[in-house]
Amino acid sequence: MASNGRFESMALALATGSSIKNASQTVGVSVRQGYRIASSDKMRSRVNEIRSEITREAVGQLTQGATAAAATLVSLLNEAYEPSTRLNASKAILNALAPLSELAELRSRLDALEAKSCPV
């Protein structure tokens, strides 16, 4: 595959779920050549990079939404709401708190281990 643009197009197509056959047709190479390209270490690496970028962007968007969702749940604890609404909000907060706390602690531990093993 001579063109870097076609390589990137194929990598993007594969990273977003296209079959090798469809990705090959999209960039204008034979299916056989598409399989050869898709099996290369360079293509696998680029597909993984693209998927990581997509995942990071999605996590960022979800994080923004989580902040708003948490604020909404906290606002529902106000005594102006029915007891059942407050109870459900309380349950939702408590159910989310434990896994998030564990995740934050694990992240902190991992960061500390990485800092010890790879000093800057």
PDB file of N, CA and C in Angstrom:
ATOM      1  N   MET A   1       0.860  -1.176   0.000  1.00  0.00           N
ATOM      2  CA  MET A   1       0.000   0.000   0.000  1.00  0.00           C
ATOM      3  C   MET A   1       0.899   1.229   0.000  1.00  0.00           C
ATOM      4  N   ALA A   2       0.947   1.923  -1.096  1.00  0.00           N
ATOM      5  CA  ALA A   2       1.880   3.026  -1.257  1.00  0.00           C
ATOM      6  C   ALA A   2       1.416   4.285  -0.541  1.00  0.00           C
ATOM      7  N   SER A   3       0.156   4.554  -0.560  1.00  0.00           N
ATOM      8  CA  SER A   3      -0.362   5.809  -0.042  1.00  0.00           C
ATOM      9  C   SER A   3      -0.585   5.758   1.472  1.00  0.00           C
ATOM     10  N   ASN A   4       0.017   6.723   2.163  1.00  0.00           N
ATOM     11  CA  ASN A   4      -0.191   6.820   3.603  1.00  0.00           C
ATOM     12  C   ASN A   4      -1.648   7.146   3.906  1.00  0.00           C
ATOM     13  N   GLY A   5      -2.290   7.926   3.026  1.00  0.00           N
ATOM     14  CA  GLY A   5      -3.699   8.260   3.209  1.00  0.00           C
ATOM     15  C   GLY A   5      -4.586   7.020   3.159  1.00  0.00           C
ATOM     16  N   ARG A   6      -4.271   6.109   2.244  1.00  0.00           N
ATOM     17  CA  ARG A   6      -5.050   4.867   2.150  1.00  0.00           C
ATOM     18  C   ARG A   6      -4.784   3.985   3.366  1.00  0.00           C
ATOM     19  N   PHE A   7      -3.531   3.967   3.824  1.00  0.00           N
ATOM     20  CA  PHE A   7      -3.193   3.194   5.021  1.00  0.00           C
ATOM     21  C   PHE A   7      -3.999   3.708   6.215  1.00  0.00           C
ATOM     22  N   GLU A   8      -4.019   5.034   6.395  1.00  0.00           N
ATOM     23  CA  GLU A   8      -4.766   5.631   7.504  1.00  0.00           C
ATOM     24  C   GLU A   8      -6.268   5.362   7.368  1.00  0.00           C
ATOM     25  N   SER A   9      -6.769   5.452   6.136  1.00  0.00           N
ATOM     26  CA  SER A   9      -8.195   5.190   5.908  1.00  0.00           C
ATOM     27  C   SER A   9      -8.550   3.753   6.258  1.00  0.00           C
ATOM     28  N   MET A  10      -7.681   2.834   5.882  1.00  0.00           N
ATOM     29  CA  MET A  10      -7.938   1.427   6.192  1.00  0.00           C
ATOM     30  C   MET A  10      -7.844   1.206   7.697  1.00  0.00           C
ATOM     31  N   ALA A  11      -6.849   1.820   8.353  1.00  0.00           N
ATOM     32  CA  ALA A  11      -6.703   1.672   9.799  1.00  0.00           C
ATOM     33  C   ALA A  11      -7.943   2.205  10.516  1.00  0.00           C
ATOM     34  N   LEU A  12      -8.434   3.351  10.088  1.00  0.00           N
ATOM     35  CA  LEU A  12      -9.630   3.927  10.703  1.00  0.00           C
ATOM     36  C   LEU A  12     -10.844   3.030  10.487  1.00  0.00           C
ATOM     37  N   ALA A  13     -10.979   2.516   9.280  1.00  0.00           N
ATOM     38  CA  ALA A  13     -12.110   1.624   8.994  1.00  0.00           C
ATOM     39  C   ALA A  13     -12.057   0.376   9.872  1.00  0.00           C
ATOM     40  N   LEU A  14     -10.874  -0.217   9.997  1.00  0.00           N
ATOM     41  CA  LEU A  14     -10.739  -1.424  10.824  1.00  0.00           C
ATOM     42  C   LEU A  14     -10.961  -1.107  12.301  1.00  0.00           C
ATOM     43  N   ALA A  15     -10.449   0.037  12.748  1.00  0.00           N
ATOM     44  CA  ALA A  15     -10.589   0.415  14.156  1.00  0.00           C
ATOM     45  C   ALA A  15     -12.035   0.670  14.543  1.00  0.00           C
ATOM     46  N   THR A  16     -12.828   1.085  13.578  1.00  0.00           N
ATOM     47  CA  THR A  16     -14.226   1.389  13.873  1.00  0.00           C
ATOM     48  C   THR A  16     -15.179   0.262  13.504  1.00  0.00           C
ATOM     49  N   GLY A  17     -14.611  -0.925  13.238  1.00  0.00           N
ATOM     50  CA  GLY A  17     -15.452  -2.102  13.105  1.00  0.00           C
ATOM     51  C   GLY A  17     -15.705  -2.634  11.718  1.00  0.00           C
ATOM     52  N   SER A  18     -15.126  -2.032  10.703  1.00  0.00           N
ATOM     53  CA  SER A  18     -15.318  -2.571   9.359  1.00  0.00           C
ATOM     54  C   SER A  18     -14.604  -3.910   9.217  1.00  0.00           C
ATOM     55  N   SER A  19     -15.144  -4.755   8.389  1.00  0.00           N
ATOM     56  CA  SER A  19     -14.464  -6.012   8.081  1.00  0.00           C
ATOM     57  C   SER A  19     -13.265  -5.707   7.196  1.00  0.00           C
ATOM     58  N   ILE A  20     -12.338  -6.635   7.121  1.00  0.00           N
ATOM     59  CA  ILE A  20     -11.173  -6.449   6.254  1.00  0.00           C
ATOM     60  C   ILE A  20     -11.624  -6.323   4.801  1.00  0.00           C
ATOM     61  N   LYS A  21     -12.609  -7.110   4.428  1.00  0.00           N
ATOM     62  CA  LYS A  21     -13.132  -7.049   3.063  1.00  0.00           C
ATOM     63  C   LYS A  21     -13.679  -5.658   2.757  1.00  0.00           C
ATOM     64  N   ASN A  22     -14.525  -5.127   3.631  1.00  0.00           N
ATOM     65  CA  ASN A  22     -15.104  -3.803   3.393  1.00  0.00           C
ATOM     66  C   ASN A  22     -14.047  -2.703   3.431  1.00  0.00           C
ATOM     67  N   ALA A  23     -13.097  -2.803   4.382  1.00  0.00           N
ATOM     68  CA  ALA A  23     -12.039  -1.803   4.473  1.00  0.00           C
ATOM     69  C   ALA A  23     -11.185  -1.822   3.205  1.00  0.00           C
ATOM     70  N   SER A  24     -10.905  -3.011   2.691  1.00  0.00           N
ATOM     71  CA  SER A  24     -10.113  -3.143   1.462  1.00  0.00           C
ATOM     72  C   SER A  24     -10.818  -2.479   0.295  1.00  0.00           C
ATOM     73  N   GLN A  25     -12.111  -2.746   0.167  1.00  0.00           N
ATOM     74  CA  GLN A  25     -12.892  -2.150  -0.915  1.00  0.00           C
ATOM     75  C   GLN A  25     -12.940  -0.634  -0.777  1.00  0.00           C
ATOM     76  N   THR A  26     -13.062  -0.152   0.454  1.00  0.00           N
ATOM     77  CA  THR A  26     -13.128   1.289   0.702  1.00  0.00           C
ATOM     78  C   THR A  26     -11.868   2.002   0.226  1.00  0.00           C
ATOM     79  N   VAL A  27     -10.703   1.398   0.475  1.00  0.00           N
ATOM     80  CA  VAL A  27      -9.439   2.052   0.103  1.00  0.00           C
ATOM     81  C   VAL A  27      -8.945   1.647  -1.281  1.00  0.00           C
ATOM     82  N   GLY A  28      -9.632   0.710  -1.912  1.00  0.00           N
ATOM     83  CA  GLY A  28      -9.298   0.347  -3.287  1.00  0.00           C
ATOM     84  C   GLY A  28      -8.163  -0.638  -3.447  1.00  0.00           C
ATOM     85  N   VAL A  29      -8.094  -1.607  -2.539  1.00  0.00           N
ATOM     86  CA  VAL A  29      -7.105  -2.681  -2.700  1.00  0.00           C
ATOM     87  C   VAL A  29      -7.859  -4.000  -2.746  1.00  0.00           C
ATOM     88  N   SER A  30      -7.188  -5.024  -3.250  1.00  0.00           N
ATOM     89  CA  SER A  30      -7.831  -6.332  -3.297  1.00  0.00           C
ATOM     90  C   SER A  30      -8.021  -6.851  -1.870  1.00  0.00           C
ATOM     91  N   VAL A  31      -8.958  -7.748  -1.719  1.00  0.00           N
ATOM     92  CA  VAL A  31      -9.209  -8.332  -0.408  1.00  0.00           C
ATOM     93  C   VAL A  31      -7.970  -9.076   0.078  1.00  0.00           C
ATOM     94  N   ARG A  32      -7.312  -9.763  -0.842  1.00  0.00           N
ATOM     95  CA  ARG A  32      -6.094 -10.496  -0.476  1.00  0.00           C
ATOM     96  C   ARG A  32      -5.028  -9.537   0.060  1.00  0.00           C
ATOM     97  N   GLN A  33      -4.842  -8.432  -0.646  1.00  0.00           N
ATOM     98  CA  GLN A  33      -3.868  -7.444  -0.185  1.00  0.00           C
ATOM     99  C   GLN A  33      -4.337  -6.822   1.135  1.00  0.00           C
ATOM    100  N   GLY A  34      -5.636  -6.632   1.267  1.00  0.00           N
ATOM    101  CA  GLY A  34      -6.188  -6.090   2.507  1.00  0.00           C
ATOM    102  C   GLY A  34      -5.872  -6.972   3.702  1.00  0.00           C
ATOM    103  N   TYR A  35      -6.014  -8.283   3.531  1.00  0.00           N
ATOM    104  CA  TYR A  35      -5.676  -9.206   4.613  1.00  0.00           C
ATOM    105  C   TYR A  35      -4.187  -9.147   4.950  1.00  0.00           C
ATOM    106  N   ARG A  36      -3.366  -9.013   3.923  1.00  0.00           N
ATOM    107  CA  ARG A  36      -1.923  -8.933   4.141  1.00  0.00           C
ATOM    108  C   ARG A  36      -1.580  -7.652   4.921  1.00  0.00           C
ATOM    109  N   ILE A  37      -2.194  -6.558   4.513  1.00  0.00           N
ATOM    110  CA  ILE A  37      -1.946  -5.276   5.190  1.00  0.00           C
ATOM    111  C   ILE A  37      -2.466  -5.327   6.628  1.00  0.00           C
ATOM    112  N   ALA A  38      -3.683  -5.872   6.794  1.00  0.00           N
ATOM    113  CA  ALA A  38      -4.304  -5.923   8.123  1.00  0.00           C
ATOM    114  C   ALA A  38      -3.512  -6.784   9.093  1.00  0.00           C
ATOM    115  N   SER A  39      -2.788  -7.759   8.590  1.00  0.00           N
ATOM    116  CA  SER A  39      -2.032  -8.648   9.470  1.00  0.00           C
ATOM    117  C   SER A  39      -0.648  -8.102   9.817  1.00  0.00           C
ATOM    118  N   SER A  40      -0.279  -6.979   9.214  1.00  0.00           N
ATOM    119  CA  SER A  40       1.047  -6.414   9.496  1.00  0.00           C
ATOM    120  C   SER A  40       1.082  -5.794  10.895  1.00  0.00           C
ATOM    121  N   ASP A  41       2.247  -5.832  11.497  1.00  0.00           N
ATOM    122  CA  ASP A  41       2.412  -5.245  12.834  1.00  0.00           C
ATOM    123  C   ASP A  41       2.130  -3.751  12.815  1.00  0.00           C
ATOM    124  N   LYS A  42       2.533  -3.095  11.739  1.00  0.00           N
ATOM    125  CA  LYS A  42       2.308  -1.651  11.620  1.00  0.00           C
ATOM    126  C   LYS A  42       0.810  -1.334  11.631  1.00  0.00           C
ATOM    127  N   MET A  43       0.013  -2.119  10.891  1.00  0.00           N
ATOM    128  CA  MET A  43      -1.430  -1.873  10.845  1.00  0.00           C
ATOM    129  C   MET A  43      -2.066  -2.194  12.188  1.00  0.00           C
ATOM    130  N   ARG A  44      -1.692  -3.304  12.786  1.00  0.00           N
ATOM    131  CA  ARG A  44      -2.254  -3.663  14.093  1.00  0.00           C
ATOM    132  C   ARG A  44      -1.970  -2.577  15.115  1.00  0.00           C
ATOM    133  N   SER A  45      -0.753  -2.074  15.086  1.00  0.00           N
ATOM    134  CA  SER A  45      -0.364  -1.014  16.012  1.00  0.00           C
ATOM    135  C   SER A  45      -1.187   0.251  15.780  1.00  0.00           C
ATOM    136  N   ARG A  46      -1.357   0.629  14.525  1.00  0.00           N
ATOM    137  CA  ARG A  46      -2.116   1.848  14.223  1.00  0.00           C
ATOM    138  C   ARG A  46      -3.586   1.691  14.587  1.00  0.00           C
ATOM    139  N   VAL A  47      -4.154   0.527  14.328  1.00  0.00           N
ATOM    140  CA  VAL A  47      -5.555   0.273  14.699  1.00  0.00           C
ATOM    141  C   VAL A  47      -5.716   0.390  16.214  1.00  0.00           C
ATOM    142  N   ASN A  48      -4.778  -0.177  16.964  1.00  0.00           N
ATOM    143  CA  ASN A  48      -4.836  -0.070  18.429  1.00  0.00           C
ATOM    144  C   ASN A  48      -4.708   1.376  18.890  1.00  0.00           C
ATOM    145  N   GLU A  49      -3.839   2.161  18.244  1.00  0.00           N
ATOM    146  CA  GLU A  49      -3.697   3.577  18.592  1.00  0.00           C
ATOM    147  C   GLU A  49      -5.006   4.327  18.361  1.00  0.00           C
ATOM    148  N   ILE A  50      -5.634   4.080  17.218  1.00  0.00           N
ATOM    149  CA  ILE A  50      -6.894   4.759  16.896  1.00  0.00           C
ATOM    150  C   ILE A  50      -7.971   4.378  17.901  1.00  0.00           C
ATOM    151  N   ARG A  51      -8.067   3.094  18.221  1.00  0.00           N
ATOM    152  CA  ARG A  51      -9.064   2.657  19.206  1.00  0.00           C
ATOM    153  C   ARG A  51      -8.812   3.297  20.562  1.00  0.00           C
ATOM    154  N   SER A  52      -7.561   3.434  20.948  1.00  0.00           N
ATOM    155  CA  SER A  52      -7.233   4.088  22.218  1.00  0.00           C
ATOM    156  C   SER A  52      -7.661   5.549  22.202  1.00  0.00           C
ATOM    157  N   GLU A  53      -7.423   6.227  21.080  1.00  0.00           N
ATOM    158  CA  GLU A  53      -7.842   7.627  20.948  1.00  0.00           C
ATOM    159  C   GLU A  53      -9.360   7.749  21.068  1.00  0.00           C
ATOM    160  N   ILE A  54     -10.072   6.880  20.396  1.00  0.00           N
ATOM    161  CA  ILE A  54     -11.535   6.898  20.436  1.00  0.00           C
ATOM    162  C   ILE A  54     -12.024   6.648  21.861  1.00  0.00           C
ATOM    163  N   THR A  55     -11.413   5.697  22.533  1.00  0.00           N
ATOM    164  CA  THR A  55     -11.805   5.373  23.909  1.00  0.00           C
ATOM    165  C   THR A  55     -11.545   6.548  24.838  1.00  0.00           C
ATOM    166  N   ARG A  56     -10.370   7.194  24.704  1.00  0.00           N
ATOM    167  CA  ARG A  56     -10.051   8.352  25.555  1.00  0.00           C
ATOM    168  C   ARG A  56     -11.076   9.472  25.360  1.00  0.00           C
ATOM    169  N   GLU A  57     -11.452   9.718  24.112  1.00  0.00           N
ATOM    170  CA  GLU A  57     -12.443  10.756  23.839  1.00  0.00           C
ATOM    171  C   GLU A  57     -13.793  10.403  24.465  1.00  0.00           C
ATOM    172  N   ALA A  58     -14.198   9.149  24.350  1.00  0.00           N
ATOM    173  CA  ALA A  58     -15.476   8.720  24.921  1.00  0.00           C
ATOM    174  C   ALA A  58     -15.451   8.832  26.448  1.00  0.00           C
ATOM    175  N   VAL A  59     -14.345   8.438  27.058  1.00  0.00           N
ATOM    176  CA  VAL A  59     -14.228   8.537  28.519  1.00  0.00           C
ATOM    177  C   VAL A  59     -14.312   9.998  28.949  1.00  0.00           C
ATOM    178  N   GLY A  60     -13.699  10.883  28.194  1.00  0.00           N
ATOM    179  CA  GLY A  60     -13.773  12.307  28.507  1.00  0.00           C
ATOM    180  C   GLY A  60     -15.200  12.821  28.479  1.00  0.00           C
ATOM    181  N   GLN A  61     -15.935  12.430  27.450  1.00  0.00           N
ATOM    182  CA  GLN A  61     -17.334  12.855  27.354  1.00  0.00           C
ATOM    183  C   GLN A  61     -18.167  12.272  28.489  1.00  0.00           C
ATOM    184  N   LEU A  62     -17.939  11.009  28.811  1.00  0.00           N
ATOM    185  CA  LEU A  62     -18.688  10.382  29.896  1.00  0.00           C
ATOM    186  C   LEU A  62     -18.345  11.011  31.245  1.00  0.00           C
ATOM    187  N   THR A  63     -17.108  11.422  31.417  1.00  0.00           N
ATOM    188  CA  THR A  63     -16.707  12.064  32.660  1.00  0.00           C
ATOM    189  C   THR A  63     -17.451  13.376  32.843  1.00  0.00           C
ATOM    190  N   GLN A  64     -17.555  14.137  31.775  1.00  0.00           N
ATOM    191  CA  GLN A  64     -18.318  15.383  31.848  1.00  0.00           C
ATOM    192  C   GLN A  64     -19.779  15.095  32.205  1.00  0.00           C
ATOM    193  N   GLY A  65     -20.346  14.078  31.596  1.00  0.00           N
ATOM    194  CA  GLY A  65     -21.726  13.702  31.894  1.00  0.00           C
ATOM    195  C   GLY A  65     -21.891  13.187  33.309  1.00  0.00           C
ATOM    196  N   ALA A  66     -20.875  12.486  33.813  1.00  0.00           N
ATOM    197  CA  ALA A  66     -20.939  11.940  35.171  1.00  0.00           C
ATOM    198  C   ALA A  66     -20.992  13.059  36.206  1.00  0.00           C
ATOM    199  N   THR A  67     -20.265  14.116  35.959  1.00  0.00           N
ATOM    200  CA  THR A  67     -20.286  15.248  36.883  1.00  0.00           C
ATOM    201  C   THR A  67     -21.681  15.850  36.945  1.00  0.00           C
ATOM    202  N   ALA A  68     -22.301  16.031  35.801  1.00  0.00           N
ATOM    203  CA  ALA A  68     -23.659  16.569  35.757  1.00  0.00           C
ATOM    204  C   ALA A  68     -24.655  15.597  36.398  1.00  0.00           C
ATOM    205  N   ALA A  69     -24.469  14.302  36.138  1.00  0.00           N
ATOM    206  CA  ALA A  69     -25.369  13.299  36.709  1.00  0.00           C
ATOM    207  C   ALA A  69     -25.256  13.270  38.233  1.00  0.00           C
ATOM    208  N   ALA A  70     -24.036  13.372  38.735  1.00  0.00           N
ATOM    209  CA  ALA A  70     -23.840  13.378  40.182  1.00  0.00           C
ATOM    210  C   ALA A  70     -24.509  14.603  40.806  1.00  0.00           C
ATOM    211  N   ALA A  71     -24.368  15.749  40.161  1.00  0.00           N
ATOM    212  CA  ALA A  71     -25.008  16.967  40.674  1.00  0.00           C
ATOM    213  C   ALA A  71     -26.530  16.819  40.683  1.00  0.00           C
ATOM    214  N   THR A  72     -27.061  16.180  39.663  1.00  0.00           N
ATOM    215  CA  THR A  72     -28.510  15.946  39.607  1.00  0.00           C
ATOM    216  C   THR A  72     -28.950  15.044  40.752  1.00  0.00           C
ATOM    217  N   LEU A  73     -28.210  13.959  40.971  1.00  0.00           N
ATOM    218  CA  LEU A  73     -28.564  13.053  42.072  1.00  0.00           C
ATOM    219  C   LEU A  73     -28.511  13.766  43.415  1.00  0.00           C
ATOM    220  N   VAL A  74     -27.482  14.558  43.628  1.00  0.00           N
ATOM    221  CA  VAL A  74     -27.363  15.286  44.899  1.00  0.00           C
ATOM    222  C   VAL A  74     -28.528  16.261  45.051  1.00  0.00           C
ATOM    223  N   SER A  75     -28.916  16.918  43.975  1.00  0.00           N
ATOM    224  CA  SER A  75     -30.029  17.866  44.065  1.00  0.00           C
ATOM    225  C   SER A  75     -31.343  17.169  44.402  1.00  0.00           C
ATOM    226  N   LEU A  76     -31.463  15.900  44.032  1.00  0.00           N
ATOM    227  CA  LEU A  76     -32.686  15.143  44.320  1.00  0.00           C
ATOM    228  C   LEU A  76     -32.793  14.743  45.793  1.00  0.00           C
ATOM    229  N   LEU A  77     -31.748  14.961  46.562  1.00  0.00           N
ATOM    230  CA  LEU A  77     -31.790  14.664  48.001  1.00  0.00           C
ATOM    231  C   LEU A  77     -32.520  15.750  48.777  1.00  0.00           C
ATOM    232  N   ASN A  78     -32.804  16.845  48.126  1.00  0.00           N
ATOM    233  CA  ASN A  78     -33.488  17.969  48.751  1.00  0.00           C
ATOM    234  C   ASN A  78     -34.853  17.539  49.286  1.00  0.00           C
ATOM    235  N   GLU A  79     -35.213  18.045  50.439  1.00  0.00           N
ATOM    236  CA  GLU A  79     -36.481  17.651  51.075  1.00  0.00           C
ATOM    237  C   GLU A  79     -37.714  18.098  50.304  1.00  0.00           C
ATOM    238  N   ALA A  80     -37.540  18.904  49.279  1.00  0.00           N
ATOM    239  CA  ALA A  80     -38.670  19.324  48.445  1.00  0.00           C
ATOM    240  C   ALA A  80     -39.192  18.162  47.604  1.00  0.00           C
ATOM    241  N   TYR A  81     -38.384  17.127  47.450  1.00  0.00           N
ATOM    242  CA  TYR A  81     -38.784  15.970  46.649  1.00  0.00           C
ATOM    243  C   TYR A  81     -39.437  14.911  47.531  1.00  0.00           C
ATOM    244  N   GLU A  82     -40.224  14.079  46.881  1.00  0.00           N
ATOM    245  CA  GLU A  82     -40.896  12.973  47.572  1.00  0.00           C
ATOM    246  C   GLU A  82     -39.859  12.065  48.231  1.00  0.00           C
ATOM    247  N   PRO A  83     -40.228  11.431  49.350  1.00  0.00           N
ATOM    248  CA  PRO A  83     -39.290  10.517  50.007  1.00  0.00           C
ATOM    249  C   PRO A  83     -38.795   9.401  49.084  1.00  0.00           C
ATOM    250  N   SER A  84     -39.670   8.894  48.223  1.00  0.00           N
ATOM    251  CA  SER A  84     -39.231   7.814  47.318  1.00  0.00           C
ATOM    252  C   SER A  84     -38.173   8.311  46.334  1.00  0.00           C
ATOM    253  N   THR A  85     -38.298   9.540  45.883  1.00  0.00           N
ATOM    254  CA  THR A  85     -37.301  10.124  44.982  1.00  0.00           C
ATOM    255  C   THR A  85     -35.971  10.288  45.712  1.00  0.00           C
ATOM    256  N   ARG A  86     -36.046  10.791  46.936  1.00  0.00           N
ATOM    257  CA  ARG A  86     -34.823  10.981  47.731  1.00  0.00           C
ATOM    258  C   ARG A  86     -34.158   9.643  48.036  1.00  0.00           C
ATOM    259  N   LEU A  87     -34.979   8.631  48.337  1.00  0.00           N
ATOM    260  CA  LEU A  87     -34.452   7.307  48.624  1.00  0.00           C
ATOM    261  C   LEU A  87     -33.739   6.736  47.396  1.00  0.00           C
ATOM    262  N   ASN A  88     -34.363   6.844  46.236  1.00  0.00           N
ATOM    263  CA  ASN A  88     -33.749   6.333  45.011  1.00  0.00           C
ATOM    264  C   ASN A  88     -32.454   7.072  44.682  1.00  0.00           C
ATOM    265  N   ALA A  89     -32.445   8.384  44.894  1.00  0.00           N
ATOM    266  CA  ALA A  89     -31.222   9.149  44.660  1.00  0.00           C
ATOM    267  C   ALA A  89     -30.132   8.714  45.631  1.00  0.00           C
ATOM    268  N   SER A  90     -30.509   8.499  46.879  1.00  0.00           N
ATOM    269  CA  SER A  90     -29.544   8.058  47.893  1.00  0.00           C
ATOM    270  C   SER A  90     -28.959   6.699  47.514  1.00  0.00           C
ATOM    271  N   LYS A  91     -29.810   5.782  47.089  1.00  0.00           N
ATOM    272  CA  LYS A  91     -29.339   4.456  46.685  1.00  0.00           C
ATOM    273  C   LYS A  91     -28.386   4.551  45.497  1.00  0.00           C
ATOM    274  N   ALA A  92     -28.742   5.376  44.533  1.00  0.00           N
ATOM    275  CA  ALA A  92     -27.905   5.526  43.344  1.00  0.00           C
ATOM    276  C   ALA A  92     -26.528   6.079  43.717  1.00  0.00           C
ATOM    277  N   ILE A  93     -26.504   7.058  44.604  1.00  0.00           N
ATOM    278  CA  ILE A  93     -25.231   7.647  45.029  1.00  0.00           C
ATOM    279  C   ILE A  93     -24.387   6.616  45.761  1.00  0.00           C
ATOM    280  N   LEU A  94     -24.998   5.929  46.718  1.00  0.00           N
ATOM    281  CA  LEU A  94     -24.241   4.945  47.499  1.00  0.00           C
ATOM    282  C   LEU A  94     -23.780   3.774  46.642  1.00  0.00           C
ATOM    283  N   ASN A  95     -24.601   3.348  45.689  1.00  0.00           N
ATOM    284  CA  ASN A  95     -24.201   2.253  44.795  1.00  0.00           C
ATOM    285  C   ASN A  95     -23.043   2.644  43.879  1.00  0.00           C
ATOM    286  N   ALA A  96     -22.969   3.902  43.525  1.00  0.00           N
ATOM    287  CA  ALA A  96     -21.892   4.361  42.644  1.00  0.00           C
ATOM    288  C   ALA A  96     -20.619   4.674  43.418  1.00  0.00           C
ATOM    289  N   LEU A  97     -20.766   5.031  44.679  1.00  0.00           N
ATOM    290  CA  LEU A  97     -19.625   5.505  45.455  1.00  0.00           C
ATOM    291  C   LEU A  97     -18.559   4.444  45.689  1.00  0.00           C
ATOM    292  N   ALA A  98     -18.941   3.247  46.067  1.00  0.00           N
ATOM    293  CA  ALA A  98     -17.955   2.208  46.390  1.00  0.00           C
ATOM    294  C   ALA A  98     -17.069   1.850  45.196  1.00  0.00           C
ATOM    295  N   PRO A  99     -17.645   1.520  44.037  1.00  0.00           N
ATOM    296  CA  PRO A  99     -16.770   1.189  42.902  1.00  0.00           C
ATOM    297  C   PRO A  99     -15.884   2.365  42.478  1.00  0.00           C
ATOM    298  N   LEU A 100     -16.420   3.586  42.530  1.00  0.00           N
ATOM    299  CA  LEU A 100     -15.619   4.739  42.144  1.00  0.00           C
ATOM    300  C   LEU A 100     -14.483   4.974  43.128  1.00  0.00           C
ATOM    301  N   SER A 101     -14.745   4.768  44.410  1.00  0.00           N
ATOM    302  CA  SER A 101     -13.692   4.925  45.417  1.00  0.00           C
ATOM    303  C   SER A 101     -12.613   3.879  45.224  1.00  0.00           C
ATOM    304  N   GLU A 102     -13.014   2.647  44.969  1.00  0.00           N
ATOM    305  CA  GLU A 102     -12.045   1.584  44.728  1.00  0.00           C
ATOM    306  C   GLU A 102     -11.203   1.890  43.492  1.00  0.00           C
ATOM    307  N   LEU A 103     -11.851   2.362  42.455  1.00  0.00           N
ATOM    308  CA  LEU A 103     -11.139   2.695  41.228  1.00  0.00           C
ATOM    309  C   LEU A 103     -10.120   3.808  41.468  1.00  0.00           C
ATOM    310  N   ALA A 104     -10.520   4.833  42.218  1.00  0.00           N
ATOM    311  CA  ALA A 104      -9.603   5.933  42.510  1.00  0.00           C
ATOM    312  C   ALA A 104      -8.409   5.440  43.323  1.00  0.00           C
ATOM    313  N   GLU A 105      -8.660   4.552  44.286  1.00  0.00           N
ATOM    314  CA  GLU A 105      -7.569   4.012  45.094  1.00  0.00           C
ATOM    315  C   GLU A 105      -6.624   3.166  44.238  1.00  0.00           C
ATOM    316  N   LEU A 106      -7.184   2.324  43.376  1.00  0.00           N
ATOM    317  CA  LEU A 106      -6.354   1.504  42.492  1.00  0.00           C
ATOM    318  C   LEU A 106      -5.536   2.376  41.534  1.00  0.00           C
ATOM    319  N   ARG A 107      -6.163   3.434  41.024  1.00  0.00           N
ATOM    320  CA  ARG A 107      -5.450   4.352  40.129  1.00  0.00           C
ATOM    321  C   ARG A 107      -4.272   4.987  40.862  1.00  0.00           C
ATOM    322  N   SER A 108      -4.508   5.391  42.102  1.00  0.00           N
ATOM    323  CA  SER A 108      -3.456   6.012  42.903  1.00  0.00           C
ATOM    324  C   SER A 108      -2.311   5.038  43.159  1.00  0.00           C
ATOM    325  N   ARG A 109      -2.646   3.799  43.484  1.00  0.00           N
ATOM    326  CA  ARG A 109      -1.625   2.781  43.713  1.00  0.00           C
ATOM    327  C   ARG A 109      -0.835   2.491  42.448  1.00  0.00           C
ATOM    328  N   LEU A 110      -1.525   2.405  41.327  1.00  0.00           N
ATOM    329  CA  LEU A 110      -0.866   2.144  40.058  1.00  0.00           C
ATOM    330  C   LEU A 110       0.075   3.288  39.702  1.00  0.00           C
ATOM    331  N   ASP A 111      -0.380   4.508  39.902  1.00  0.00           N
ATOM    332  CA  ASP A 111       0.475   5.665  39.633  1.00  0.00           C
ATOM    333  C   ASP A 111       1.736   5.620  40.491  1.00  0.00           C
ATOM    334  N   ALA A 112       1.583   5.245  41.764  1.00  0.00           N
ATOM    335  CA  ALA A 112       2.738   5.160  42.663  1.00  0.00           C
ATOM    336  C   ALA A 112       3.710   4.076  42.201  1.00  0.00           C
ATOM    337  N   LEU A 113       3.174   2.930  41.794  1.00  0.00           N
ATOM    338  CA  LEU A 113       4.037   1.850  41.299  1.00  0.00           C
ATOM    339  C   LEU A 113       4.765   2.262  40.023  1.00  0.00           C
ATOM    340  N   GLU A 114       4.055   2.918  39.127  1.00  0.00           N
ATOM    341  CA  GLU A 114       4.675   3.365  37.887  1.00  0.00           C
ATOM    342  C   GLU A 114       5.754   4.398  38.160  1.00  0.00           C
ATOM    343  N   ALA A 115       5.508   5.278  39.117  1.00  0.00           N
ATOM    344  CA  ALA A 115       6.504   6.295  39.461  1.00  0.00           C
ATOM    345  C   ALA A 115       7.768   5.648  40.027  1.00  0.00           C
ATOM    346  N   LYS A 116       7.603   4.566  40.807  1.00  0.00           N
ATOM    347  CA  LYS A 116       8.761   3.872  41.371  1.00  0.00           C
ATOM    348  C   LYS A 116       9.545   3.137  40.296  1.00  0.00           C
ATOM    349  N   SER A 117       8.836   2.522  39.356  1.00  0.00           N
ATOM    350  CA  SER A 117       9.517   1.698  38.346  1.00  0.00           C
ATOM    351  C   SER A 117      10.064   2.521  37.189  1.00  0.00           C
ATOM    352  N   CYS A 118       9.509   3.698  36.958  1.00  0.00           N
ATOM    353  CA  CYS A 118       9.947   4.542  35.839  1.00  0.00           C
ATOM    354  C   CYS A 118      10.185   5.970  36.325  1.00  0.00           C
ATOM    355  N   PRO A 119      11.232   6.200  37.102  1.00  0.00           N
ATOM    356  CA  PRO A 119      11.455   7.573  37.569  1.00  0.00           C
ATOM    357  C   PRO A 119      11.736   8.506  36.414  1.00  0.00           C
ATOM    358  N   VAL A 120      11.215   9.704  36.497  1.00  0.00           N
ATOM    359  CA  VAL A 120      11.340  10.685  35.412  1.00  0.00           C
ATOM    360  C   VAL A 120      12.680  11.337  35.408  1.00  0.00           C
TER     361      VAL A 120
END
